[in-house]
Amino acid sequence: MATLLSPVNAACALALAAAVACAPANAATPVAHPKASAVLAAEAAKKQAKAPAKKSGKKAKAAAATAAVTAAAVAANPLEVDEPDITDTKTTEYDCELGNKITIYTNDNDASHIALRWKTRLHRLARIGTTTGALRFENPHYGLIWIGIPSKGILLDSKLNRQLANECKNATQSAIVATAAPEASKT
């Protein structure tokens, strides 16, 4: 039995030595992705905000650096800005099922963005091209997707994978449905 274990132990030792020798030199120091480090910095800032007010010099510097990274990330992506400017815009009111209301602000000079008021918050959404001709606007930061077709609009939440508002119709779309309904009942 002792003779069987000796070759097995030798084989294991040889395999372990080969694995250590073949391991890359930088395996101990992983490379962080830029977006991942920004997310980690934002999470650290949230933890710092919840922590007690006592901060040493190093912690204060780290919190300031985290806040700067977060501010730079928000400045780099205009869709994350709190409230878009809606001066000189055209307003369209939508009435949706279940009593929901949506207001869309469009600017004739900027067809690639809209401002959408959902509940009490105003969001900026960017236009996404489609092959069907539907109007699709998204804000990936908040997970909002607005899809407009000639007969209705729908507001989706891509983060929670659910509908926020459906059967959203403006005054023009509602008038078309109201005039079409009596004609359908005559047949």
C-alpha atoms as a PDB file:
ATOM      1  CA  MET A   1       0.000   0.000   0.000  1.00  0.00           C
ATOM      2  CA  ALA A   2       2.873   2.330   0.799  1.00  0.00           C
ATOM      3  CA  THR A   3       4.227   1.844  -2.686  1.00  0.00           C
ATOM      4  CA  LEU A   4       0.918   2.918  -4.253  1.00  0.00           C
ATOM      5  CA  LEU A   5       0.666   6.161  -2.311  1.00  0.00           C
ATOM      6  CA  SER A   6       4.158   7.254  -3.131  1.00  0.00           C
ATOM      7  CA  PRO A   7       3.601   7.548  -6.924  1.00  0.00           C
ATOM      8  CA  VAL A   8       0.218   9.258  -6.324  1.00  0.00           C
ATOM      9  CA  ASN A   9       1.805  11.785  -3.975  1.00  0.00           C
ATOM     10  CA  ALA A  10       4.576  12.403  -6.462  1.00  0.00           C
ATOM     11  CA  ALA A  11       2.061  12.945  -9.283  1.00  0.00           C
ATOM     12  CA  CYS A  12       0.063  15.399  -7.178  1.00  0.00           C
ATOM     13  CA  ALA A  13       3.167  17.328  -6.207  1.00  0.00           C
ATOM     14  CA  LEU A  14       4.253  17.497  -9.852  1.00  0.00           C
ATOM     15  CA  ALA A  15       0.792  18.720 -10.953  1.00  0.00           C
ATOM     16  CA  LEU A  16       0.757  21.399  -8.236  1.00  0.00           C
ATOM     17  CA  ALA A  17       4.220  22.609  -9.199  1.00  0.00           C
ATOM     18  CA  ALA A  18       3.211  22.781 -12.869  1.00  0.00           C
ATOM     19  CA  ALA A  19       0.066  24.768 -12.041  1.00  0.00           C
ATOM     20  CA  VAL A  20       2.033  27.310  -9.998  1.00  0.00           C
ATOM     21  CA  ALA A  21       4.676  27.665 -12.703  1.00  0.00           C
ATOM     22  CA  CYS A  22       2.105  28.144 -15.472  1.00  0.00           C
ATOM     23  CA  ALA A  23      -0.083  30.673 -13.626  1.00  0.00           C
ATOM     24  CA  PRO A  24       0.065  34.168 -15.110  1.00  0.00           C
ATOM     25  CA  ALA A  25       2.085  36.691 -13.191  1.00  0.00           C
ATOM     26  CA  ASN A  26      -0.768  39.213 -12.997  1.00  0.00           C
ATOM     27  CA  ALA A  27      -3.407  36.720 -11.770  1.00  0.00           C
ATOM     28  CA  ALA A  28      -3.080  38.051  -8.234  1.00  0.00           C
ATOM     29  CA  THR A  29      -3.898  41.612  -9.327  1.00  0.00           C
ATOM     30  CA  PRO A  30      -7.175  41.669 -11.278  1.00  0.00           C
ATOM     31  CA  VAL A  31      -7.820  44.542 -13.675  1.00  0.00           C
ATOM     32  CA  ALA A  32     -10.962  46.548 -12.836  1.00  0.00           C
ATOM     33  CA  HIS A  33     -13.359  47.638 -15.550  1.00  0.00           C
ATOM     34  CA  PRO A  34     -13.870  51.464 -15.631  1.00  0.00           C
ATOM     35  CA  LYS A  35     -17.655  51.228 -15.311  1.00  0.00           C
ATOM     36  CA  ALA A  36     -17.385  48.685 -12.519  1.00  0.00           C
ATOM     37  CA  SER A  37     -15.085  50.964 -10.550  1.00  0.00           C
ATOM     38  CA  ALA A  38     -17.551  53.849 -10.997  1.00  0.00           C
ATOM     39  CA  VAL A  39     -20.390  51.679  -9.681  1.00  0.00           C
ATOM     40  CA  LEU A  40     -18.291  50.539  -6.744  1.00  0.00           C
ATOM     41  CA  ALA A  41     -17.356  54.141  -6.033  1.00  0.00           C
ATOM     42  CA  ALA A  42     -21.028  55.167  -6.060  1.00  0.00           C
ATOM     43  CA  GLU A  43     -21.911  52.340  -3.663  1.00  0.00           C
ATOM     44  CA  ALA A  44     -19.069  53.389  -1.391  1.00  0.00           C
ATOM     45  CA  ALA A  45     -20.397  56.949  -1.431  1.00  0.00           C
ATOM     46  CA  LYS A  46     -23.838  55.701  -0.368  1.00  0.00           C
ATOM     47  CA  LYS A  47     -22.286  53.764   2.498  1.00  0.00           C
ATOM     48  CA  GLN A  48     -20.266  56.816   3.523  1.00  0.00           C
ATOM     49  CA  ALA A  49     -23.418  58.952   3.518  1.00  0.00           C
ATOM     50  CA  LYS A  50     -25.153  56.483   5.845  1.00  0.00           C
ATOM     51  CA  ALA A  51     -22.122  56.251   8.158  1.00  0.00           C
ATOM     52  CA  PRO A  52     -21.791  58.510  11.223  1.00  0.00           C
ATOM     53  CA  ALA A  53     -20.329  61.978  10.768  1.00  0.00           C
ATOM     54  CA  LYS A  54     -16.923  60.972  12.244  1.00  0.00           C
ATOM     55  CA  LYS A  55     -14.388  60.829   9.449  1.00  0.00           C
ATOM     56  CA  SER A  56     -10.652  60.749   9.613  1.00  0.00           C
ATOM     57  CA  GLY A  57      -8.553  62.566   7.027  1.00  0.00           C
ATOM     58  CA  LYS A  58      -8.184  59.485   4.828  1.00  0.00           C
ATOM     59  CA  LYS A  59     -11.909  58.700   4.931  1.00  0.00           C
ATOM     60  CA  ALA A  60     -12.825  62.285   4.083  1.00  0.00           C
ATOM     61  CA  LYS A  61     -10.463  62.254   1.105  1.00  0.00           C
ATOM     62  CA  ALA A  62     -11.884  58.917  -0.085  1.00  0.00           C
ATOM     63  CA  ALA A  63     -15.445  60.231   0.235  1.00  0.00           C
ATOM     64  CA  ALA A  64     -14.539  63.375  -1.719  1.00  0.00           C
ATOM     65  CA  ALA A  65     -12.920  61.286  -4.450  1.00  0.00           C
ATOM     66  CA  THR A  66     -15.981  59.041  -4.643  1.00  0.00           C
ATOM     67  CA  ALA A  67     -18.277  62.047  -4.885  1.00  0.00           C
ATOM     68  CA  ALA A  68     -16.128  63.463  -7.672  1.00  0.00           C
ATOM     69  CA  VAL A  69     -16.255  60.194  -9.625  1.00  0.00           C
ATOM     70  CA  THR A  70     -20.034  60.043  -9.224  1.00  0.00           C
ATOM     71  CA  ALA A  71     -20.440  63.671 -10.302  1.00  0.00           C
ATOM     72  CA  ALA A  72     -18.242  63.065 -13.353  1.00  0.00           C
ATOM     73  CA  ALA A  73     -20.298  60.009 -14.326  1.00  0.00           C
ATOM     74  CA  VAL A  74     -23.535  62.010 -14.095  1.00  0.00           C
ATOM     75  CA  ALA A  75     -22.031  64.877 -16.094  1.00  0.00           C
ATOM     76  CA  ALA A  76     -20.859  62.451 -18.775  1.00  0.00           C
ATOM     77  CA  ASN A  77     -24.373  61.067 -19.312  1.00  0.00           C
ATOM     78  CA  PRO A  78     -26.991  63.801 -19.806  1.00  0.00           C
ATOM     79  CA  LEU A  79     -29.843  61.285 -19.452  1.00  0.00           C
ATOM     80  CA  GLU A  80     -29.026  61.034 -15.743  1.00  0.00           C
ATOM     81  CA  VAL A  81     -29.591  64.735 -15.125  1.00  0.00           C
ATOM     82  CA  ASP A  82     -32.374  65.291 -12.623  1.00  0.00           C
ATOM     83  CA  GLU A  83     -34.732  67.561 -14.549  1.00  0.00           C
ATOM     84  CA  PRO A  84     -34.454  68.352 -18.280  1.00  0.00           C
ATOM     85  CA  ASP A  85     -35.145  71.859 -19.549  1.00  0.00           C
ATOM     86  CA  ILE A  86     -38.655  72.062 -21.053  1.00  0.00           C
ATOM     87  CA  THR A  87     -38.686  75.689 -22.166  1.00  0.00           C
ATOM     88  CA  ASP A  88     -39.751  76.223 -25.809  1.00  0.00           C
ATOM     89  CA  THR A  89     -41.256  72.747 -26.066  1.00  0.00           C
ATOM     90  CA  LYS A  90     -44.503  71.343 -27.410  1.00  0.00           C
ATOM     91  CA  THR A  91     -46.616  69.569 -24.799  1.00  0.00           C
ATOM     92  CA  THR A  92     -48.690  66.449 -25.471  1.00  0.00           C
ATOM     93  CA  GLU A  93     -50.906  65.010 -22.736  1.00  0.00           C
ATOM     94  CA  TYR A  94     -51.646  61.275 -22.720  1.00  0.00           C
ATOM     95  CA  ASP A  95     -54.453  59.603 -20.762  1.00  0.00           C
ATOM     96  CA  CYS A  96     -53.709  55.969 -20.033  1.00  0.00           C
ATOM     97  CA  GLU A  97     -55.694  53.089 -18.618  1.00  0.00           C
ATOM     98  CA  LEU A  98     -56.066  52.816 -14.853  1.00  0.00           C
ATOM     99  CA  GLY A  99     -56.163  56.615 -14.608  1.00  0.00           C
ATOM    100  CA  ASN A 100     -52.448  57.139 -15.327  1.00  0.00           C
ATOM    101  CA  LYS A 101     -51.332  60.303 -17.086  1.00  0.00           C
ATOM    102  CA  ILE A 102     -48.169  61.017 -19.049  1.00  0.00           C
ATOM    103  CA  THR A 103     -46.967  64.322 -20.469  1.00  0.00           C
ATOM    104  CA  ILE A 104     -44.414  64.394 -23.276  1.00  0.00           C
ATOM    105  CA  TYR A 105     -42.428  67.513 -24.114  1.00  0.00           C
ATOM    106  CA  THR A 106     -40.889  67.671 -27.592  1.00  0.00           C
ATOM    107  CA  ASN A 107     -38.600  70.261 -29.120  1.00  0.00           C
ATOM    108  CA  ASP A 108     -38.686  70.900 -32.876  1.00  0.00           C
ATOM    109  CA  ASN A 109     -34.918  71.532 -32.879  1.00  0.00           C
ATOM    110  CA  ASP A 110     -34.076  68.220 -31.146  1.00  0.00           C
ATOM    111  CA  ALA A 111     -35.887  65.191 -32.551  1.00  0.00           C
ATOM    112  CA  SER A 112     -33.498  62.766 -30.848  1.00  0.00           C
ATOM    113  CA  HIS A 113     -34.741  63.462 -27.295  1.00  0.00           C
ATOM    114  CA  ILE A 114     -37.987  63.949 -25.421  1.00  0.00           C
ATOM    115  CA  ALA A 115     -38.841  64.865 -21.857  1.00  0.00           C
ATOM    116  CA  LEU A 116     -41.435  62.620 -20.271  1.00  0.00           C
ATOM    117  CA  ARG A 117     -43.335  63.395 -17.081  1.00  0.00           C
ATOM    118  CA  TRP A 118     -44.303  60.216 -15.267  1.00  0.00           C
ATOM    119  CA  LYS A 119     -45.997  60.642 -11.881  1.00  0.00           C
ATOM    120  CA  THR A 120     -44.166  63.631 -10.333  1.00  0.00           C
ATOM    121  CA  ARG A 121     -40.779  63.259 -12.059  1.00  0.00           C
ATOM    122  CA  LEU A 122     -39.525  64.582 -15.385  1.00  0.00           C
ATOM    123  CA  HIS A 123     -37.179  62.260 -17.325  1.00  0.00           C
ATOM    124  CA  ARG A 124     -35.079  62.817 -20.456  1.00  0.00           C
ATOM    125  CA  LEU A 125     -35.251  59.970 -22.958  1.00  0.00           C
ATOM    126  CA  ALA A 126     -33.085  59.418 -26.043  1.00  0.00           C
ATOM    127  CA  ARG A 127     -34.472  58.167 -29.353  1.00  0.00           C
ATOM    128  CA  ILE A 128     -33.608  54.618 -30.384  1.00  0.00           C
ATOM    129  CA  GLY A 129     -33.985  53.630 -34.033  1.00  0.00           C
ATOM    130  CA  THR A 130     -36.473  50.908 -34.929  1.00  0.00           C
ATOM    131  CA  THR A 131     -37.133  48.924 -38.084  1.00  0.00           C
ATOM    132  CA  THR A 132     -40.920  49.117 -37.682  1.00  0.00           C
ATOM    133  CA  GLY A 133     -41.274  52.889 -37.672  1.00  0.00           C
ATOM    134  CA  ALA A 134     -42.491  53.030 -34.076  1.00  0.00           C
ATOM    135  CA  LEU A 135     -41.170  55.863 -31.934  1.00  0.00           C
ATOM    136  CA  ARG A 136     -38.938  54.401 -29.224  1.00  0.00           C
ATOM    137  CA  PHE A 137     -37.270  56.501 -26.545  1.00  0.00           C
ATOM    138  CA  GLU A 138     -35.185  55.142 -23.664  1.00  0.00           C
ATOM    139  CA  ASN A 139     -33.494  56.253 -20.484  1.00  0.00           C
ATOM    140  CA  PRO A 140     -31.292  53.335 -19.401  1.00  0.00           C
ATOM    141  CA  HIS A 141     -30.366  55.002 -16.096  1.00  0.00           C
ATOM    142  CA  TYR A 142     -33.961  54.916 -14.838  1.00  0.00           C
ATOM    143  CA  GLY A 143     -35.001  51.983 -17.031  1.00  0.00           C
ATOM    144  CA  LEU A 144     -37.814  53.850 -18.793  1.00  0.00           C
ATOM    145  CA  ILE A 145     -38.885  52.980 -22.345  1.00  0.00           C
ATOM    146  CA  TRP A 146     -41.577  54.931 -24.222  1.00  0.00           C
ATOM    147  CA  ILE A 147     -42.957  53.290 -27.371  1.00  0.00           C
ATOM    148  CA  GLY A 148     -45.336  55.295 -29.516  1.00  0.00           C
ATOM    149  CA  ILE A 149     -47.342  53.895 -32.419  1.00  0.00           C
ATOM    150  CA  PRO A 150     -50.101  55.701 -34.334  1.00  0.00           C
ATOM    151  CA  SER A 151     -52.913  54.212 -32.241  1.00  0.00           C
ATOM    152  CA  LYS A 152     -51.417  54.393 -28.715  1.00  0.00           C
ATOM    153  CA  GLY A 153     -48.337  54.647 -26.526  1.00  0.00           C
ATOM    154  CA  ILE A 154     -46.891  52.454 -23.797  1.00  0.00           C
ATOM    155  CA  LEU A 155     -44.439  53.139 -20.973  1.00  0.00           C
ATOM    156  CA  LEU A 156     -42.239  50.261 -19.810  1.00  0.00           C
ATOM    157  CA  ASP A 157     -39.828  49.730 -16.933  1.00  0.00           C
ATOM    158  CA  SER A 158     -36.869  47.714 -18.247  1.00  0.00           C
ATOM    159  CA  LYS A 159     -35.318  47.286 -14.807  1.00  0.00           C
ATOM    160  CA  LEU A 160     -38.397  45.624 -13.312  1.00  0.00           C
ATOM    161  CA  ASN A 161     -39.543  44.117 -16.651  1.00  0.00           C
ATOM    162  CA  ARG A 162     -43.106  45.388 -16.434  1.00  0.00           C
ATOM    163  CA  GLN A 163     -45.540  47.882 -17.939  1.00  0.00           C
ATOM    164  CA  LEU A 164     -45.981  51.170 -16.152  1.00  0.00           C
ATOM    165  CA  ALA A 165     -48.727  52.566 -18.391  1.00  0.00           C
ATOM    166  CA  ASN A 166     -50.591  51.076 -21.355  1.00  0.00           C
ATOM    167  CA  GLU A 167     -53.242  52.289 -23.806  1.00  0.00           C
ATOM    168  CA  CYS A 168     -51.894  55.843 -23.540  1.00  0.00           C
ATOM    169  CA  LYS A 169     -53.715  58.088 -26.013  1.00  0.00           C
ATOM    170  CA  ASN A 170     -53.485  61.797 -26.687  1.00  0.00           C
ATOM    171  CA  ALA A 171     -56.508  63.900 -27.730  1.00  0.00           C
ATOM    172  CA  THR A 172     -56.005  63.151 -31.452  1.00  0.00           C
ATOM    173  CA  GLN A 173     -55.765  59.395 -30.919  1.00  0.00           C
ATOM    174  CA  SER A 174     -58.824  59.402 -28.646  1.00  0.00           C
ATOM    175  CA  ALA A 175     -60.840  61.378 -31.232  1.00  0.00           C
ATOM    176  CA  ILE A 176     -60.004  58.828 -33.947  1.00  0.00           C
ATOM    177  CA  VAL A 177     -61.220  55.981 -31.725  1.00  0.00           C
ATOM    178  CA  ALA A 178     -64.385  57.883 -30.764  1.00  0.00           C
ATOM    179  CA  THR A 179     -65.351  58.547 -34.405  1.00  0.00           C
ATOM    180  CA  ALA A 180     -64.531  54.976 -35.479  1.00  0.00           C
ATOM    181  CA  ALA A 181     -66.677  53.368 -32.750  1.00  0.00           C
ATOM    182  CA  PRO A 182     -70.123  54.476 -34.048  1.00  0.00           C
ATOM    183  CA  GLU A 183     -69.300  53.303 -37.578  1.00  0.00           C
ATOM    184  CA  ALA A 184     -68.377  49.868 -36.308  1.00  0.00           C
ATOM    185  CA  SER A 185     -71.714  49.489 -34.482  1.00  0.00           C
ATOM    186  CA  LYS A 186     -73.735  50.256 -37.683  1.00  0.00           C
ATOM    187  CA  THR A 187     -72.689  47.012 -39.400  1.00  0.00           C
END
